Amino acid sequence: MMREVNKQVKRSIRKMNRQLKVRPSKIEQVAEIRQDIISDLWACNKKVVDGKWYIELSQAVEVIGGSNEQ
């Protein structure tokens, strides 16, 4: 009985270790994608109204939606 429990615990630990190894790369990917989107939004034509920066919604949709048309 105890051996079976130990096996299950070891399997769980191995599984968690694999998940932890995968996670940082995914977090880095998400951070990189977010940075790309922010850069693309910043590159859009901006208008200043009352001291605040605005971009056209259609441009934001193109950036976020991944449209290749410009």
PDB file of N, CA and C in Angstrom:
ATOM      1  N   MET A   1       0.822  -1.190   0.000  1.00  0.00           N
ATOM      2  CA  MET A   1       0.000   0.000   0.000  1.00  0.00           C
ATOM      3  C   MET A   1       0.867   1.255   0.000  1.00  0.00           C
ATOM      4  N   MET A   2       1.864   1.282   0.864  1.00  0.00           N
ATOM      5  CA  MET A   2       2.737   2.436   0.967  1.00  0.00           C
ATOM      6  C   MET A   2       3.540   2.648  -0.309  1.00  0.00           C
ATOM      7  N   ARG A   3       3.957   1.565  -0.950  1.00  0.00           N
ATOM      8  CA  ARG A   3       4.712   1.666  -2.199  1.00  0.00           C
ATOM      9  C   ARG A   3       3.874   2.328  -3.285  1.00  0.00           C
ATOM     10  N   GLU A   4       2.612   1.960  -3.334  1.00  0.00           N
ATOM     11  CA  GLU A   4       1.716   2.538  -4.341  1.00  0.00           C
ATOM     12  C   GLU A   4       1.539   4.041  -4.110  1.00  0.00           C
ATOM     13  N   VAL A   5       1.410   4.431  -2.875  1.00  0.00           N
ATOM     14  CA  VAL A   5       1.282   5.852  -2.533  1.00  0.00           C
ATOM     15  C   VAL A   5       2.554   6.592  -2.930  1.00  0.00           C
ATOM     16  N   ASN A   6       3.699   6.005  -2.613  1.00  0.00           N
ATOM     17  CA  ASN A   6       4.967   6.623  -2.984  1.00  0.00           C
ATOM     18  C   ASN A   6       5.091   6.788  -4.496  1.00  0.00           C
ATOM     19  N   LYS A   7       4.663   5.800  -5.248  1.00  0.00           N
ATOM     20  CA  LYS A   7       4.710   5.879  -6.714  1.00  0.00           C
ATOM     21  C   LYS A   7       3.835   7.027  -7.212  1.00  0.00           C
ATOM     22  N   GLN A   8       2.653   7.133  -6.632  1.00  0.00           N
ATOM     23  CA  GLN A   8       1.739   8.196  -7.041  1.00  0.00           C
ATOM     24  C   GLN A   8       2.307   9.574  -6.717  1.00  0.00           C
ATOM     25  N   VAL A   9       2.919   9.683  -5.557  1.00  0.00           N
ATOM     26  CA  VAL A   9       3.529  10.958  -5.166  1.00  0.00           C
ATOM     27  C   VAL A   9       4.668  11.310  -6.116  1.00  0.00           C
ATOM     28  N   LYS A  10       5.507  10.340  -6.434  1.00  0.00           N
ATOM     29  CA  LYS A  10       6.622  10.585  -7.351  1.00  0.00           C
ATOM     30  C   LYS A  10       6.110  11.001  -8.722  1.00  0.00           C
ATOM     31  N   ARG A  11       5.051  10.342  -9.208  1.00  0.00           N
ATOM     32  CA  ARG A  11       4.468  10.703 -10.505  1.00  0.00           C
ATOM     33  C   ARG A  11       3.949  12.135 -10.471  1.00  0.00           C
ATOM     34  N   SER A  12       3.278  12.482  -9.386  1.00  0.00           N
ATOM     35  CA  SER A  12       2.733  13.832  -9.255  1.00  0.00           C
ATOM     36  C   SER A  12       3.847  14.870  -9.249  1.00  0.00           C
ATOM     37  N   ILE A  13       4.913  14.564  -8.532  1.00  0.00           N
ATOM     38  CA  ILE A  13       6.050  15.487  -8.464  1.00  0.00           C
ATOM     39  C   ILE A  13       6.685  15.651  -9.840  1.00  0.00           C
ATOM     40  N   ARG A  14       6.875  14.551 -10.571  1.00  0.00           N
ATOM     41  CA  ARG A  14       7.439  14.623 -11.929  1.00  0.00           C
ATOM     42  C   ARG A  14       6.551  15.454 -12.847  1.00  0.00           C
ATOM     43  N   LYS A  15       5.249  15.245 -12.719  1.00  0.00           N
ATOM     44  CA  LYS A  15       4.299  15.979 -13.556  1.00  0.00           C
ATOM     45  C   LYS A  15       4.373  17.478 -13.257  1.00  0.00           C
ATOM     46  N   MET A  16       4.417  17.827 -11.982  1.00  0.00           N
ATOM     47  CA  MET A  16       4.513  19.238 -11.605  1.00  0.00           C
ATOM     48  C   MET A  16       5.826  19.850 -12.091  1.00  0.00           C
ATOM     49  N   ASN A  17       6.907  19.100 -11.995  1.00  0.00           N
ATOM     50  CA  ASN A  17       8.195  19.598 -12.466  1.00  0.00           C
ATOM     51  C   ASN A  17       8.162  19.882 -13.964  1.00  0.00           C
ATOM     52  N   ARG A  18       7.530  18.976 -14.725  1.00  0.00           N
ATOM     53  CA  ARG A  18       7.407  19.196 -16.172  1.00  0.00           C
ATOM     54  C   ARG A  18       6.593  20.447 -16.458  1.00  0.00           C
ATOM     55  N   GLN A  19       5.516  20.639 -15.719  1.00  0.00           N
ATOM     56  CA  GLN A  19       4.680  21.819 -15.926  1.00  0.00           C
ATOM     57  C   GLN A  19       5.443  23.092 -15.599  1.00  0.00           C
ATOM     58  N   LEU A  20       6.227  23.068 -14.542  1.00  0.00           N
ATOM     59  CA  LEU A  20       7.004  24.244 -14.168  1.00  0.00           C
ATOM     60  C   LEU A  20       8.073  24.561 -15.207  1.00  0.00           C
ATOM     61  N   LYS A  21       8.627  23.539 -15.827  1.00  0.00           N
ATOM     62  CA  LYS A  21       9.636  23.767 -16.858  1.00  0.00           C
ATOM     63  C   LYS A  21       9.023  24.393 -18.099  1.00  0.00           C
ATOM     64  N   VAL A  22       7.786  24.071 -18.408  1.00  0.00           N
ATOM     65  CA  VAL A  22       7.111  24.582 -19.595  1.00  0.00           C
ATOM     66  C   VAL A  22       6.625  26.009 -19.374  1.00  0.00           C
ATOM     67  N   ARG A  23       6.188  26.294 -18.189  1.00  0.00           N
ATOM     68  CA  ARG A  23       5.560  27.577 -17.910  1.00  0.00           C
ATOM     69  C   ARG A  23       6.404  28.807 -18.227  1.00  0.00           C
ATOM     70  N   PRO A  24       7.649  28.908 -17.791  1.00  0.00           N
ATOM     71  CA  PRO A  24       8.404  30.127 -18.059  1.00  0.00           C
ATOM     72  C   PRO A  24       8.497  30.469 -19.541  1.00  0.00           C
ATOM     73  N   SER A  25       8.636  29.479 -20.396  1.00  0.00           N
ATOM     74  CA  SER A  25       8.741  29.779 -21.816  1.00  0.00           C
ATOM     75  C   SER A  25       7.424  30.351 -22.335  1.00  0.00           C
ATOM     76  N   LYS A  26       6.304  29.835 -21.847  1.00  0.00           N
ATOM     77  CA  LYS A  26       5.007  30.370 -22.260  1.00  0.00           C
ATOM     78  C   LYS A  26       4.821  31.784 -21.740  1.00  0.00           C
ATOM     79  N   ILE A  27       5.255  32.033 -20.530  1.00  0.00           N
ATOM     80  CA  ILE A  27       5.160  33.380 -19.964  1.00  0.00           C
ATOM     81  C   ILE A  27       6.004  34.340 -20.796  1.00  0.00           C
ATOM     82  N   GLU A  28       7.174  33.912 -21.192  1.00  0.00           N
ATOM     83  CA  GLU A  28       8.036  34.752 -22.031  1.00  0.00           C
ATOM     84  C   GLU A  28       7.379  35.019 -23.378  1.00  0.00           C
ATOM     85  N   GLN A  29       6.725  34.009 -23.953  1.00  0.00           N
ATOM     86  CA  GLN A  29       6.033  34.188 -25.226  1.00  0.00           C
ATOM     87  C   GLN A  29       4.923  35.217 -25.095  1.00  0.00           C
ATOM     88  N   VAL A  30       4.137  35.108 -24.043  1.00  0.00           N
ATOM     89  CA  VAL A  30       3.043  36.050 -23.827  1.00  0.00           C
ATOM     90  C   VAL A  30       3.588  37.456 -23.643  1.00  0.00           C
ATOM     91  N   ALA A  31       4.654  37.593 -22.881  1.00  0.00           N
ATOM     92  CA  ALA A  31       5.260  38.908 -22.664  1.00  0.00           C
ATOM     93  C   ALA A  31       5.778  39.491 -23.976  1.00  0.00           C
ATOM     94  N   GLU A  32       6.357  38.650 -24.816  1.00  0.00           N
ATOM     95  CA  GLU A  32       6.873  39.116 -26.105  1.00  0.00           C
ATOM     96  C   GLU A  32       5.729  39.554 -27.018  1.00  0.00           C
ATOM     97  N   ILE A  33       4.654  38.793 -27.054  1.00  0.00           N
ATOM     98  CA  ILE A  33       3.492  39.150 -27.872  1.00  0.00           C
ATOM     99  C   ILE A  33       2.883  40.456 -27.376  1.00  0.00           C
ATOM    100  N   ARG A  34       2.747  40.583 -26.063  1.00  0.00           N
ATOM    101  CA  ARG A  34       2.201  41.811 -25.481  1.00  0.00           C
ATOM    102  C   ARG A  34       3.063  43.006 -25.863  1.00  0.00           C
ATOM    103  N   GLN A  35       4.372  42.856 -25.788  1.00  0.00           N
ATOM    104  CA  GLN A  35       5.283  43.946 -26.128  1.00  0.00           C
ATOM    105  C   GLN A  35       5.144  44.318 -27.602  1.00  0.00           C
ATOM    106  N   ASP A  36       4.993  43.317 -28.481  1.00  0.00           N
ATOM    107  CA  ASP A  36       4.797  43.584 -29.906  1.00  0.00           C
ATOM    108  C   ASP A  36       3.513  44.370 -30.149  1.00  0.00           C
ATOM    109  N   ILE A  37       2.446  43.989 -29.465  1.00  0.00           N
ATOM    110  CA  ILE A  37       1.173  44.681 -29.629  1.00  0.00           C
ATOM    111  C   ILE A  37       1.282  46.123 -29.149  1.00  0.00           C
ATOM    112  N   ILE A  38       1.902  46.319 -27.998  1.00  0.00           N
ATOM    113  CA  ILE A  38       2.062  47.677 -27.472  1.00  0.00           C
ATOM    114  C   ILE A  38       2.898  48.522 -28.429  1.00  0.00           C
ATOM    115  N   SER A  39       3.955  47.955 -28.973  1.00  0.00           N
ATOM    116  CA  SER A  39       4.793  48.686 -29.926  1.00  0.00           C
ATOM    117  C   SER A  39       4.008  49.068 -31.172  1.00  0.00           C
ATOM    118  N   ASP A  40       3.197  48.124 -31.681  1.00  0.00           N
ATOM    119  CA  ASP A  40       2.391  48.401 -32.860  1.00  0.00           C
ATOM    120  C   ASP A  40       1.326  49.455 -32.577  1.00  0.00           C
ATOM    121  N   LEU A  41       0.720  49.401 -31.395  1.00  0.00           N
ATOM    122  CA  LEU A  41      -0.266  50.422 -31.031  1.00  0.00           C
ATOM    123  C   LEU A  41       0.395  51.797 -30.922  1.00  0.00           C
ATOM    124  N   TRP A  42       1.596  51.818 -30.366  1.00  0.00           N
ATOM    125  CA  TRP A  42       2.311  53.091 -30.216  1.00  0.00           C
ATOM    126  C   TRP A  42       2.686  53.661 -31.589  1.00  0.00           C
ATOM    127  N   ALA A  43       2.887  52.790 -32.573  1.00  0.00           N
ATOM    128  CA  ALA A  43       3.269  53.239 -33.912  1.00  0.00           C
ATOM    129  C   ALA A  43       2.070  53.780 -34.708  1.00  0.00           C
ATOM    130  N   CYS A  44       0.849  53.539 -34.223  1.00  0.00           N
ATOM    131  CA  CYS A  44      -0.342  54.040 -34.928  1.00  0.00           C
ATOM    132  C   CYS A  44      -0.360  55.573 -34.907  1.00  0.00           C
ATOM    133  N   ASN A  45      -1.110  56.141 -35.855  1.00  0.00           N
ATOM    134  CA  ASN A  45      -1.283  57.592 -35.879  1.00  0.00           C
ATOM    135  C   ASN A  45      -2.038  58.026 -34.635  1.00  0.00           C
ATOM    136  N   LYS A  46      -1.471  58.988 -33.919  1.00  0.00           N
ATOM    137  CA  LYS A  46      -2.064  59.437 -32.667  1.00  0.00           C
ATOM    138  C   LYS A  46      -2.631  60.846 -32.813  1.00  0.00           C
ATOM    139  N   LYS A  47      -3.682  61.099 -32.035  1.00  0.00           N
ATOM    140  CA  LYS A  47      -4.264  62.432 -31.947  1.00  0.00           C
ATOM    141  C   LYS A  47      -4.269  62.819 -30.485  1.00  0.00           C
ATOM    142  N   VAL A  48      -4.019  64.110 -30.216  1.00  0.00           N
ATOM    143  CA  VAL A  48      -4.029  64.594 -28.842  1.00  0.00           C
ATOM    144  C   VAL A  48      -5.282  65.434 -28.641  1.00  0.00           C
ATOM    145  N   VAL A  49      -6.079  65.026 -27.647  1.00  0.00           N
ATOM    146  CA  VAL A  49      -7.280  65.777 -27.298  1.00  0.00           C
ATOM    147  C   VAL A  49      -7.242  66.009 -25.798  1.00  0.00           C
ATOM    148  N   ASP A  50      -7.255  67.261 -25.415  1.00  0.00           N
ATOM    149  CA  ASP A  50      -7.205  67.634 -23.996  1.00  0.00           C
ATOM    150  C   ASP A  50      -6.012  66.992 -23.288  1.00  0.00           C
ATOM    151  N   GLY A  51      -4.890  66.915 -23.962  1.00  0.00           N
ATOM    152  CA  GLY A  51      -3.676  66.383 -23.365  1.00  0.00           C
ATOM    153  C   GLY A  51      -3.598  64.864 -23.284  1.00  0.00           C
ATOM    154  N   LYS A  52      -4.574  64.175 -23.876  1.00  0.00           N
ATOM    155  CA  LYS A  52      -4.565  62.705 -23.859  1.00  0.00           C
ATOM    156  C   LYS A  52      -4.345  62.196 -25.271  1.00  0.00           C
ATOM    157  N   TRP A  53      -3.617  61.089 -25.385  1.00  0.00           N
ATOM    158  CA  TRP A  53      -3.314  60.482 -26.683  1.00  0.00           C
ATOM    159  C   TRP A  53      -4.406  59.500 -27.071  1.00  0.00           C
ATOM    160  N   TYR A  54      -4.832  59.566 -28.328  1.00  0.00           N
ATOM    161  CA  TYR A  54      -5.845  58.648 -28.831  1.00  0.00           C
ATOM    162  C   TYR A  54      -5.406  58.090 -30.174  1.00  0.00           C
ATOM    163  N   ILE A  55      -5.824  56.849 -30.458  1.00  0.00           N
ATOM    164  CA  ILE A  55      -5.644  56.275 -31.790  1.00  0.00           C
ATOM    165  C   ILE A  55      -7.015  55.853 -32.305  1.00  0.00           C
ATOM    166  N   GLU A  56      -7.121  55.698 -33.620  1.00  0.00           N
ATOM    167  CA  GLU A  56      -8.397  55.284 -34.195  1.00  0.00           C
ATOM    168  C   GLU A  56      -8.675  53.826 -33.832  1.00  0.00           C
ATOM    169  N   LEU A  57      -9.939  53.555 -33.565  1.00  0.00           N
ATOM    170  CA  LEU A  57     -10.329  52.206 -33.189  1.00  0.00           C
ATOM    171  C   LEU A  57     -10.009  51.213 -34.294  1.00  0.00           C
ATOM    172  N   SER A  58     -10.186  51.616 -35.546  1.00  0.00           N
ATOM    173  CA  SER A  58      -9.901  50.712 -36.661  1.00  0.00           C
ATOM    174  C   SER A  58      -8.432  50.303 -36.684  1.00  0.00           C
ATOM    175  N   GLN A  59      -7.551  51.221 -36.325  1.00  0.00           N
ATOM    176  CA  GLN A  59      -6.127  50.880 -36.265  1.00  0.00           C
ATOM    177  C   GLN A  59      -5.845  49.910 -35.127  1.00  0.00           C
ATOM    178  N   ALA A  60      -6.482  50.132 -33.981  1.00  0.00           N
ATOM    179  CA  ALA A  60      -6.287  49.233 -32.843  1.00  0.00           C
ATOM    180  C   ALA A  60      -6.789  47.834 -33.187  1.00  0.00           C
ATOM    181  N   VAL A  61      -7.922  47.757 -33.878  1.00  0.00           N
ATOM    182  CA  VAL A  61      -8.468  46.464 -34.259  1.00  0.00           C
ATOM    183  C   VAL A  61      -7.532  45.748 -35.224  1.00  0.00           C
ATOM    184  N   GLU A  62      -6.932  46.485 -36.144  1.00  0.00           N
ATOM    185  CA  GLU A  62      -5.972  45.885 -37.078  1.00  0.00           C
ATOM    186  C   GLU A  62      -4.778  45.310 -36.332  1.00  0.00           C
ATOM    187  N   VAL A  63      -4.283  46.049 -35.357  1.00  0.00           N
ATOM    188  CA  VAL A  63      -3.109  45.594 -34.601  1.00  0.00           C
ATOM    189  C   VAL A  63      -3.454  44.366 -33.771  1.00  0.00           C
ATOM    190  N   ILE A  64      -4.535  44.438 -33.042  1.00  0.00           N
ATOM    191  CA  ILE A  64      -4.899  43.337 -32.160  1.00  0.00           C
ATOM    192  C   ILE A  64      -5.377  42.125 -32.937  1.00  0.00           C
ATOM    193  N   GLY A  65      -6.108  42.369 -34.020  1.00  0.00           N
ATOM    194  CA  GLY A  65      -6.618  41.277 -34.833  1.00  0.00           C
ATOM    195  C   GLY A  65      -5.576  40.656 -35.740  1.00  0.00           C
ATOM    196  N   GLY A  66      -4.449  41.311 -35.870  1.00  0.00           N
ATOM    197  CA  GLY A  66      -3.364  40.772 -36.692  1.00  0.00           C
ATOM    198  C   GLY A  66      -3.553  41.002 -38.172  1.00  0.00           C
ATOM    199  N   SER A  67      -4.310  42.002 -38.527  1.00  0.00           N
ATOM    200  CA  SER A  67      -4.537  42.297 -39.939  1.00  0.00           C
ATOM    201  C   SER A  67      -3.226  42.734 -40.591  1.00  0.00           C
ATOM    202  N   ASN A  68      -2.963  42.242 -41.777  1.00  0.00           N
ATOM    203  CA  ASN A  68      -1.742  42.598 -42.501  1.00  0.00           C
ATOM    204  C   ASN A  68      -1.933  43.797 -43.412  1.00  0.00           C
ATOM    205  N   GLU A  69      -3.165  44.281 -43.535  1.00  0.00           N
ATOM    206  CA  GLU A  69      -3.428  45.433 -44.388  1.00  0.00           C
ATOM    207  C   GLU A  69      -3.025  46.705 -43.677  1.00  0.00           C
ATOM    208  N   GLN A  70      -2.422  47.615 -44.439  1.00  0.00           N
ATOM    209  CA  GLN A  70      -2.074  48.935 -43.863  1.00  0.00           C
ATOM    210  C   GLN A  70      -2.183  49.989 -44.912  1.00  0.00           C
TER     211      GLN A  70
END
